[in-house]
Amino acid sequence: MIKGPALLFLICCAAASGQTFYRDLVPVLQRHCQECHRPGEIGSFPLTTYAQARPWAAAIKAAVLSRKMPPWFADPRHGKFSNERVLSELETAALVRWADGGAKEGSKSDAPPAREFVDGWNIPKPDIVLTMSKPFAVPAEGSINYQYMRVPTGFTDDKWIQMAEVRPSARGVVHHVVVLIRKPDSHAALGGAEELASPGSVLTIYTPGMVPDVWKPGQAKRVPAGSDLIFQIHYTANGKATEDVTKIGLVFAKEQVHEQVLTVAPLNRKFRIPPGDANHPVSAEFRLPVTGKLVSLFPHMHLRGKDFSYKAVLPDGSERILLSVPRYDFNWQLSYKVAAQDSLPAGTRIICEAHFDNSINNRFNPDPKAEVRWGQQSWEEMMIGFADFAVPYNGRRE
């Protein structure tokens, strides 16, 4: 990573060339920003036109210099991820000098073709859209228990899912959505820990800033015939009463599936975080029953979450850090898509290690004097290390 004098040199070079919005910024914004910063998406303002971007020039400069934006928290020393959101030093220099040089517009003819998106989706047009049967009324204040919305699929045969995207209608009050596959013969408690931890039960997860699940050709998740989807939704009141209707768009696999993607969820429900503890450790682990390729990792904690890491301990005793998130951010819970899907042998232990900051120095801490345990609400805590694996599929049901 270029820093100090070298970065200053790049910024000066960018200044000499006279940065303009359409020639120099639009390509950067298309690659790294417009996924969220466009009309109807989670970004607080769109960045598709000069008129939209110009008022935010100083804020854009500050955000990229502090690396607050684009949001990305993985330690670059461990693992490579296909959805990495990191600006190059040249891209950072271009954004900074554009702001410092008067945020000039330039000629529209210098811009590349507009990036195309399917209206209302970040995935291609879904083959099917499944929606809650009725709106859920979110009050202006108070805590709201997890809601479990049963959404029938109507599938008369097994469906292989290549892509999945969850879309709440009222994002401001939706903290997360876990979409569970409930098979016709399931007797597990609805949305309980038993169902959550069962491989094959989780279809996809939504959190603000999360990219949709798109699996490689030949890899997919299976929804058995007759299954329902369960939307486990955590609503959070934001001071204004509203209604939400969450939906999910699914794209079916168009080619033969050779590997079934399964989600595992190592979790720890037995921790107690003492009052004032600034670095309380909590761990969980899962042992792979079969050989599989690591597809993605998604750490989940609440407001006291400080850091999170995944480590693989192979049967021969060798160890490898799969992901390290040294500064966990509750407001940007990201899934990290593995670039090179290396196989891990059966018997490999996936060890998740996290730390929680329950001290007064944590500005997000709801109550430093409280002993904190597992709970659904944000002022309580969770420790879950979601991980997706692709395992060989031979035509038989798991």
Protein backbone atom coordinates (compact mmCIF):
# COMPACT_ATOMS: atom_id res chain seq x y z
CA MET A 1 0.00 0.00 0.00
CA ILE A 2 1.36 3.41 -1.01
CA LYS A 3 1.52 6.00 1.74
CA GLY A 4 3.19 9.28 2.67
CA PRO A 5 5.39 10.92 0.01
CA ALA A 6 4.49 8.37 -2.67
CA LEU A 7 0.76 9.03 -2.26
CA LEU A 8 1.44 12.78 -2.24
CA PHE A 9 3.32 12.37 -5.53
CA LEU A 10 0.35 10.56 -7.09
CA ILE A 11 -2.03 13.26 -5.89
CA CYS A 12 0.21 15.96 -7.38
CA CYS A 13 0.33 14.08 -10.70
CA ALA A 14 -3.44 13.82 -10.67
CA ALA A 15 -3.69 17.55 -10.01
CA ALA A 16 -1.44 18.32 -12.98
CA SER A 17 -3.76 16.43 -15.31
CA GLY A 18 -6.83 18.41 -14.15
CA GLN A 19 -9.35 15.91 -12.78
CA THR A 20 -12.91 16.10 -14.12
CA PHE A 21 -16.00 14.24 -13.05
CA TYR A 22 -16.94 12.54 -16.30
CA ARG A 23 -13.44 11.57 -17.42
CA ASP A 24 -11.75 10.66 -14.12
CA LEU A 25 -14.38 10.03 -11.46
CA VAL A 26 -17.18 8.17 -13.24
CA PRO A 27 -15.03 5.05 -13.90
CA VAL A 28 -14.05 4.91 -10.21
CA LEU A 29 -17.62 5.47 -9.03
CA GLN A 30 -18.92 2.76 -11.36
CA ARG A 31 -16.40 0.21 -10.08
CA HIS A 32 -16.68 0.91 -6.37
CA CYS A 33 -19.63 3.12 -5.43
CA GLN A 34 -22.71 3.00 -7.64
CA GLU A 35 -23.71 -0.45 -6.45
CA CYS A 36 -24.96 1.31 -3.30
CA HIS A 37 -24.93 4.98 -4.34
CA ARG A 38 -27.68 5.07 -6.93
CA PRO A 39 -31.41 5.87 -6.71
CA GLY A 40 -33.32 3.34 -4.64
CA GLU A 41 -30.27 1.76 -3.00
CA ILE A 42 -28.76 1.95 0.47
CA GLY A 43 -26.31 4.80 -0.18
CA SER A 44 -27.45 8.03 1.48
CA PHE A 45 -27.06 9.91 -1.81
CA PRO A 46 -26.67 8.78 -5.44
CA LEU A 47 -23.44 9.21 -7.40
CA THR A 48 -24.52 8.62 -10.98
CA THR A 49 -24.48 12.23 -12.24
CA TYR A 50 -22.34 15.32 -11.72
CA ALA A 51 -25.24 17.22 -10.14
CA GLN A 52 -25.61 14.46 -7.55
CA ALA A 53 -21.89 14.21 -6.72
CA ARG A 54 -20.82 17.86 -6.72
CA PRO A 55 -22.36 18.85 -3.32
CA TRP A 56 -20.55 15.91 -1.68
CA ALA A 57 -17.05 16.58 -3.04
CA ALA A 58 -15.51 17.41 0.35
CA ALA A 59 -17.28 14.49 2.04
CA ILE A 60 -16.08 12.10 -0.67
CA LYS A 61 -12.49 13.28 -0.15
CA ALA A 62 -12.70 12.81 3.63
CA ALA A 63 -14.31 9.39 3.33
CA VAL A 64 -11.71 7.93 0.96
CA LEU A 65 -8.72 9.39 2.80
CA SER A 66 -9.95 7.93 6.10
CA ARG A 67 -10.85 4.68 4.28
CA LYS A 68 -14.33 4.90 5.75
CA MET A 69 -15.57 4.35 2.21
CA PRO A 70 -15.87 2.00 0.47
CA PRO A 71 -16.59 -0.13 3.56
CA TRP A 72 -14.14 -3.02 3.84
CA PHE A 73 -12.67 -4.48 7.04
CA ALA A 74 -10.64 -7.58 6.14
CA ASP A 75 -6.96 -7.61 7.09
CA PRO A 76 -5.19 -7.81 3.68
CA ARG A 77 -2.55 -10.16 5.12
CA HIS A 78 -5.04 -13.02 5.37
CA GLY A 79 -7.10 -14.27 2.45
CA LYS A 80 -8.10 -12.87 -0.93
CA PHE A 81 -11.71 -11.99 -1.61
CA SER A 82 -13.51 -11.45 -4.90
CA ASN A 83 -15.79 -8.72 -3.52
CA GLU A 84 -12.98 -6.66 -1.99
CA ARG A 85 -13.94 -2.99 -1.74
CA VAL A 86 -10.61 -1.19 -1.71
CA LEU A 87 -9.62 1.83 -3.79
CA SER A 88 -6.20 1.81 -5.40
CA GLU A 89 -3.89 4.69 -4.52
CA LEU A 90 -4.39 6.11 -8.02
CA GLU A 91 -8.16 6.00 -7.58
CA THR A 92 -7.91 7.67 -4.18
CA ALA A 93 -5.64 10.34 -5.65
CA ALA A 94 -8.12 11.05 -8.44
CA LEU A 95 -11.01 11.55 -6.00
CA VAL A 96 -8.96 13.77 -3.70
CA ARG A 97 -7.61 16.00 -6.45
CA TRP A 98 -11.03 16.33 -8.05
CA ALA A 99 -12.36 17.72 -4.78
CA ASP A 100 -9.30 19.94 -4.21
CA GLY A 101 -9.32 21.20 -7.80
CA GLY A 102 -12.79 22.67 -7.69
CA ALA A 103 -14.79 19.52 -8.44
CA LYS A 104 -14.94 20.25 -12.17
CA GLU A 105 -17.59 18.68 -14.37
CA GLY A 106 -15.76 18.18 -17.65
CA SER A 107 -17.38 16.89 -20.82
CA LYS A 108 -20.06 14.19 -20.73
CA SER A 109 -18.53 12.75 -23.89
CA ASP A 110 -15.49 11.69 -21.82
CA ALA A 111 -17.58 9.38 -19.63
CA PRO A 112 -17.68 5.61 -20.19
CA PRO A 113 -21.06 4.00 -20.95
CA ALA A 114 -23.36 4.02 -17.93
CA ARG A 115 -23.19 0.93 -15.76
CA GLU A 116 -26.35 -1.08 -16.30
CA PHE A 117 -28.42 -2.40 -13.44
CA VAL A 118 -31.69 -4.34 -13.48
CA ASP A 119 -34.28 -1.94 -12.11
CA GLY A 120 -34.82 -2.75 -8.45
CA TRP A 121 -32.16 -5.48 -8.27
CA ASN A 122 -28.42 -6.01 -8.01
CA ILE A 123 -28.77 -9.45 -9.64
CA PRO A 124 -30.09 -10.18 -13.15
CA LYS A 125 -33.87 -10.30 -13.50
CA PRO A 126 -35.07 -12.95 -11.03
CA ASP A 127 -36.77 -16.10 -12.26
CA ILE A 128 -39.13 -15.83 -9.30
CA VAL A 129 -39.87 -13.23 -6.63
CA LEU A 130 -41.33 -14.39 -3.30
CA THR A 131 -42.89 -11.82 -1.00
CA MET A 132 -44.32 -11.57 2.50
CA SER A 133 -48.07 -12.11 2.45
CA LYS A 134 -48.82 -8.82 4.20
CA PRO A 135 -47.00 -5.74 5.50
CA PHE A 136 -45.48 -5.74 8.96
CA ALA A 137 -46.20 -2.62 11.00
CA VAL A 138 -43.03 -1.32 12.66
CA PRO A 139 -43.76 1.00 15.61
CA ALA A 140 -41.91 4.26 16.07
CA GLU A 141 -40.40 3.19 19.39
CA GLY A 142 -39.71 0.15 21.54
CA SER A 143 -38.03 -3.20 21.06
CA ILE A 144 -39.47 -5.66 18.55
CA ASN A 145 -39.13 -9.41 18.86
CA TYR A 146 -37.74 -11.31 15.88
CA GLN A 147 -40.45 -11.93 13.32
CA TYR A 148 -40.73 -15.24 11.44
CA MET A 149 -42.61 -14.86 8.17
CA ARG A 150 -43.56 -18.09 6.41
CA VAL A 151 -43.39 -17.65 2.62
CA PRO A 152 -44.49 -20.71 0.59
CA THR A 153 -42.39 -21.39 -2.50
CA GLY A 154 -44.94 -23.49 -4.35
CA PHE A 155 -42.07 -25.56 -5.76
CA THR A 156 -43.30 -28.92 -6.99
CA ASP A 157 -39.77 -30.12 -7.68
CA ASP A 158 -36.33 -29.34 -6.27
CA LYS A 159 -34.93 -25.97 -7.33
CA TRP A 160 -31.25 -25.07 -7.54
CA ILE A 161 -30.58 -21.42 -6.66
CA GLN A 162 -27.69 -19.66 -8.44
CA MET A 163 -28.38 -16.16 -7.11
CA ALA A 164 -30.43 -14.72 -4.26
CA GLU A 165 -31.15 -11.16 -3.22
CA VAL A 166 -33.30 -9.91 -0.33
CA ARG A 167 -35.04 -6.53 -0.72
CA PRO A 168 -36.84 -4.94 2.27
CA SER A 169 -39.24 -2.16 1.34
CA ALA A 170 -38.29 -0.15 4.46
CA ARG A 171 -34.53 -0.59 4.80
CA GLY A 172 -34.24 1.97 7.59
CA VAL A 173 -35.94 -0.36 10.08
CA VAL A 174 -34.57 -3.73 8.91
CA HIS A 175 -31.46 -4.71 10.85
CA HIS A 176 -31.12 -8.09 9.15
CA VAL A 177 -32.99 -10.86 7.37
CA VAL A 178 -32.01 -14.53 7.53
CA VAL A 179 -33.85 -16.56 4.91
CA LEU A 180 -34.23 -20.17 6.06
CA ILE A 181 -35.25 -23.17 3.97
CA ARG A 182 -37.89 -25.08 5.90
CA LYS A 183 -38.29 -28.54 4.42
CA PRO A 184 -41.71 -30.19 4.45
CA ASP A 185 -40.62 -32.76 7.03
CA SER A 186 -38.90 -30.29 9.39
CA HIS A 187 -39.83 -30.52 13.07
CA ALA A 188 -37.26 -28.02 14.37
CA ALA A 189 -38.41 -25.01 16.37
CA LEU A 190 -39.25 -22.27 13.88
CA GLY A 191 -36.10 -20.26 13.29
CA GLY A 192 -34.42 -21.60 16.41
CA ALA A 193 -30.73 -22.31 16.90
CA GLU A 194 -31.20 -25.95 15.82
CA GLU A 195 -32.59 -24.86 12.47
CA LEU A 196 -30.06 -22.05 12.04
CA ALA A 197 -27.09 -24.33 12.67
CA SER A 198 -28.28 -27.12 10.35
CA PRO A 199 -26.27 -27.19 7.06
CA GLY A 200 -28.62 -26.61 4.16
CA SER A 201 -31.11 -24.55 6.17
CA VAL A 202 -29.79 -21.04 5.41
CA LEU A 203 -30.54 -19.80 1.90
CA THR A 204 -29.18 -16.26 2.20
CA ILE A 205 -28.67 -13.40 4.66
CA TYR A 206 -29.35 -9.70 4.28
CA THR A 207 -27.66 -6.92 6.22
CA PRO A 208 -27.18 -3.28 5.15
CA GLY A 209 -24.33 -3.13 2.63
CA MET A 210 -24.30 -6.87 1.97
CA VAL A 211 -23.78 -7.91 -1.65
CA PRO A 212 -26.28 -10.48 -2.99
CA ASP A 213 -25.29 -14.13 -3.04
CA VAL A 214 -24.08 -15.17 -6.48
CA TRP A 215 -22.53 -18.64 -6.66
CA LYS A 216 -20.17 -19.84 -9.36
CA PRO A 217 -21.49 -21.84 -12.33
CA GLY A 218 -21.85 -25.45 -11.25
CA GLN A 219 -22.43 -24.39 -7.62
CA ALA A 220 -25.86 -23.67 -6.15
CA LYS A 221 -28.09 -24.02 -3.11
CA ARG A 222 -30.95 -26.50 -3.18
CA VAL A 223 -34.52 -25.76 -2.13
CA PRO A 224 -36.38 -29.11 -1.90
CA ALA A 225 -39.84 -29.47 -3.40
CA GLY A 226 -42.61 -28.39 -1.06
CA SER A 227 -40.33 -26.24 1.11
CA ASP A 228 -41.33 -22.93 2.62
CA LEU A 229 -38.97 -20.03 3.10
CA ILE A 230 -38.88 -18.50 6.56
CA PHE A 231 -37.92 -14.82 6.71
CA GLN A 232 -36.34 -14.28 10.12
CA ILE A 233 -36.45 -10.48 10.34
CA HIS A 234 -34.97 -8.25 13.01
CA TYR A 235 -36.79 -4.93 12.93
CA THR A 236 -35.41 -1.90 14.79
CA ALA A 237 -37.60 1.12 15.53
CA ASN A 238 -36.11 4.38 14.25
CA GLY A 239 -38.53 6.98 15.62
CA LYS A 240 -41.02 6.85 12.76
CA ALA A 241 -43.81 4.31 12.41
CA THR A 242 -43.73 2.54 9.07
CA GLU A 243 -44.53 -0.70 7.28
CA ASP A 244 -42.25 -3.21 5.61
CA VAL A 245 -42.82 -5.83 2.95
CA THR A 246 -39.64 -7.82 2.37
CA LYS A 247 -39.17 -9.89 -0.78
CA ILE A 248 -36.53 -12.20 -2.21
CA GLY A 249 -35.53 -12.61 -5.84
CA LEU A 250 -34.13 -15.95 -6.99
CA VAL A 251 -32.24 -16.90 -10.14
CA PHE A 252 -32.26 -20.62 -10.90
CA ALA A 253 -29.13 -22.48 -12.01
CA LYS A 254 -29.11 -22.88 -15.78
CA GLU A 255 -26.51 -25.65 -15.97
CA GLN A 256 -25.71 -28.93 -14.24
CA VAL A 257 -24.94 -28.52 -10.54
CA HIS A 258 -21.83 -30.40 -9.43
CA GLU A 259 -21.37 -28.80 -6.00
CA GLN A 260 -24.01 -27.99 -3.41
CA VAL A 261 -23.40 -24.87 -1.36
CA LEU A 262 -24.16 -25.36 2.34
CA THR A 263 -24.05 -22.80 5.14
CA VAL A 264 -22.64 -23.71 8.54
CA ALA A 265 -22.97 -21.45 11.56
CA PRO A 266 -20.54 -22.06 14.44
CA LEU A 267 -21.96 -20.11 17.37
CA ASN A 268 -21.53 -19.65 21.10
CA ARG A 269 -24.60 -18.96 23.25
CA LYS A 270 -23.00 -19.49 26.67
CA PHE A 271 -20.75 -16.46 27.07
CA ARG A 272 -21.00 -13.81 29.77
CA ILE A 273 -19.22 -10.52 29.11
CA PRO A 274 -18.32 -8.82 32.42
CA PRO A 275 -19.13 -5.15 32.96
CA GLY A 276 -16.35 -2.86 31.77
CA ASP A 277 -14.35 -5.63 30.04
CA ALA A 278 -12.66 -4.05 27.00
CA ASN A 279 -11.37 -7.25 25.39
CA HIS A 280 -13.51 -10.23 26.32
CA PRO A 281 -12.76 -13.38 24.23
CA VAL A 282 -15.46 -15.72 22.90
CA SER A 283 -14.87 -18.68 20.58
CA ALA A 284 -16.84 -21.27 18.61
CA GLU A 285 -15.91 -24.02 16.18
CA PHE A 286 -17.20 -26.46 13.59
CA ARG A 287 -15.62 -29.64 12.22
CA LEU A 288 -16.10 -30.34 8.52
CA PRO A 289 -17.70 -33.78 8.08
CA VAL A 290 -16.73 -33.94 4.38
CA THR A 291 -14.16 -32.31 2.11
CA GLY A 292 -15.42 -29.00 0.75
CA LYS A 293 -14.41 -25.72 -0.86
CA LEU A 294 -14.61 -22.58 1.25
CA VAL A 295 -16.95 -20.13 -0.55
CA SER A 296 -17.58 -17.23 1.84
CA LEU A 297 -17.34 -16.05 5.45
CA PHE A 298 -19.75 -13.80 7.35
CA PRO A 299 -19.00 -12.86 10.98
CA HIS A 300 -21.89 -11.61 13.09
CA MET A 301 -21.85 -9.73 16.41
CA HIS A 302 -23.69 -6.75 17.87
CA LEU A 303 -22.72 -3.34 19.26
CA ARG A 304 -19.91 -4.58 21.50
CA GLY A 305 -18.24 -6.58 18.73
CA LYS A 306 -14.57 -5.61 18.49
CA ASP A 307 -12.82 -8.14 16.21
CA PHE A 308 -13.46 -11.50 14.60
CA SER A 309 -11.27 -14.12 12.94
CA TYR A 310 -11.63 -17.53 11.30
CA LYS A 311 -8.86 -20.13 11.50
CA ALA A 312 -8.67 -23.54 9.82
CA VAL A 313 -6.89 -26.31 11.71
CA LEU A 314 -6.29 -29.15 9.25
CA PRO A 315 -6.20 -32.84 10.26
CA ASP A 316 -2.39 -32.82 10.01
CA GLY A 317 -2.25 -30.07 12.65
CA SER A 318 -1.30 -27.22 10.30
CA GLU A 319 -3.16 -23.95 10.73
CA ARG A 320 -4.26 -21.16 8.40
CA ILE A 321 -6.04 -17.87 9.08
CA LEU A 322 -8.95 -17.65 6.66
CA LEU A 323 -10.17 -14.17 7.59
CA SER A 324 -9.27 -11.52 10.14
CA VAL A 325 -11.52 -8.53 10.80
CA PRO A 326 -9.51 -6.44 13.28
CA ARG A 327 -12.09 -3.63 13.50
CA TYR A 328 -15.59 -5.09 13.38
CA ASP A 329 -18.30 -2.58 12.43
CA PHE A 330 -21.86 -3.38 13.47
CA ASN A 331 -23.21 -0.87 10.93
CA TRP A 332 -21.51 -2.62 7.98
CA GLN A 333 -21.82 -6.37 8.34
CA LEU A 334 -20.16 -7.79 5.27
CA SER A 335 -19.82 -11.20 3.71
CA TYR A 336 -16.33 -11.99 2.42
CA LYS A 337 -16.42 -14.00 -0.83
CA VAL A 338 -13.32 -16.19 -1.18
CA ALA A 339 -11.47 -15.55 -4.46
CA ALA A 340 -9.71 -18.93 -4.71
CA GLN A 341 -11.95 -21.69 -3.38
CA ASP A 342 -9.38 -24.06 -1.93
CA SER A 343 -10.60 -27.44 -0.69
CA LEU A 344 -10.41 -28.17 3.01
CA PRO A 345 -10.28 -31.86 3.93
CA ALA A 346 -12.86 -33.65 6.06
CA GLY A 347 -12.01 -33.27 9.72
CA THR A 348 -10.79 -29.69 9.37
CA ARG A 349 -11.77 -27.57 12.39
CA ILE A 350 -13.06 -24.08 11.62
CA ILE A 351 -12.32 -22.04 14.73
CA CYS A 352 -13.95 -18.64 15.19
CA GLU A 353 -12.44 -16.25 17.71
CA ALA A 354 -13.95 -12.91 18.65
CA HIS A 355 -13.46 -10.15 21.20
CA PHE A 356 -16.04 -7.82 22.69
CA ASP A 357 -15.55 -4.32 24.09
CA ASN A 358 -17.95 -3.76 26.98
CA SER A 359 -16.03 -0.76 28.29
CA ILE A 360 -16.93 2.90 28.52
CA ASN A 361 -14.47 3.59 25.71
CA ASN A 362 -16.75 1.83 23.20
CA ARG A 363 -18.93 4.71 22.00
CA PHE A 364 -21.56 2.27 20.71
CA ASN A 365 -21.85 0.43 24.05
CA PRO A 366 -25.45 0.65 25.33
CA ASP A 367 -24.46 0.02 28.98
CA PRO A 368 -20.85 -0.57 30.14
CA LYS A 369 -22.14 -1.51 33.60
CA ALA A 370 -24.18 -4.47 32.36
CA GLU A 371 -23.14 -8.11 32.22
CA VAL A 372 -23.94 -9.11 28.64
CA ARG A 373 -25.20 -12.47 27.41
CA TRP A 374 -26.57 -13.96 24.20
CA GLY A 375 -29.76 -12.29 23.03
CA GLN A 376 -31.67 -11.19 19.95
CA GLN A 377 -31.68 -7.46 20.55
CA SER A 378 -28.83 -5.14 19.60
CA TRP A 379 -28.09 -4.23 23.24
CA GLU A 380 -27.52 -7.94 23.87
CA GLU A 381 -24.85 -9.90 21.98
CA MET A 382 -24.34 -12.68 19.49
CA MET A 383 -21.31 -14.57 18.25
CA ILE A 384 -21.89 -16.47 14.98
CA GLY A 385 -19.33 -17.38 12.33
CA PHE A 386 -21.40 -18.11 9.23
CA ALA A 387 -19.46 -19.90 6.48
CA ASP A 388 -20.47 -21.27 3.08
CA PHE A 389 -18.88 -24.44 1.70
CA ALA A 390 -19.32 -26.15 -1.66
CA VAL A 391 -19.39 -29.95 -1.39
CA PRO A 392 -19.58 -32.50 -4.22
CA TYR A 393 -23.14 -33.30 -5.28
CA ASN A 394 -23.83 -36.72 -6.74
CA GLY A 395 -27.57 -36.44 -7.27
CA ARG A 396 -28.54 -37.71 -3.82
CA ARG A 397 -30.19 -35.60 -1.17
CA GLU A 398 -28.18 -34.78 1.93
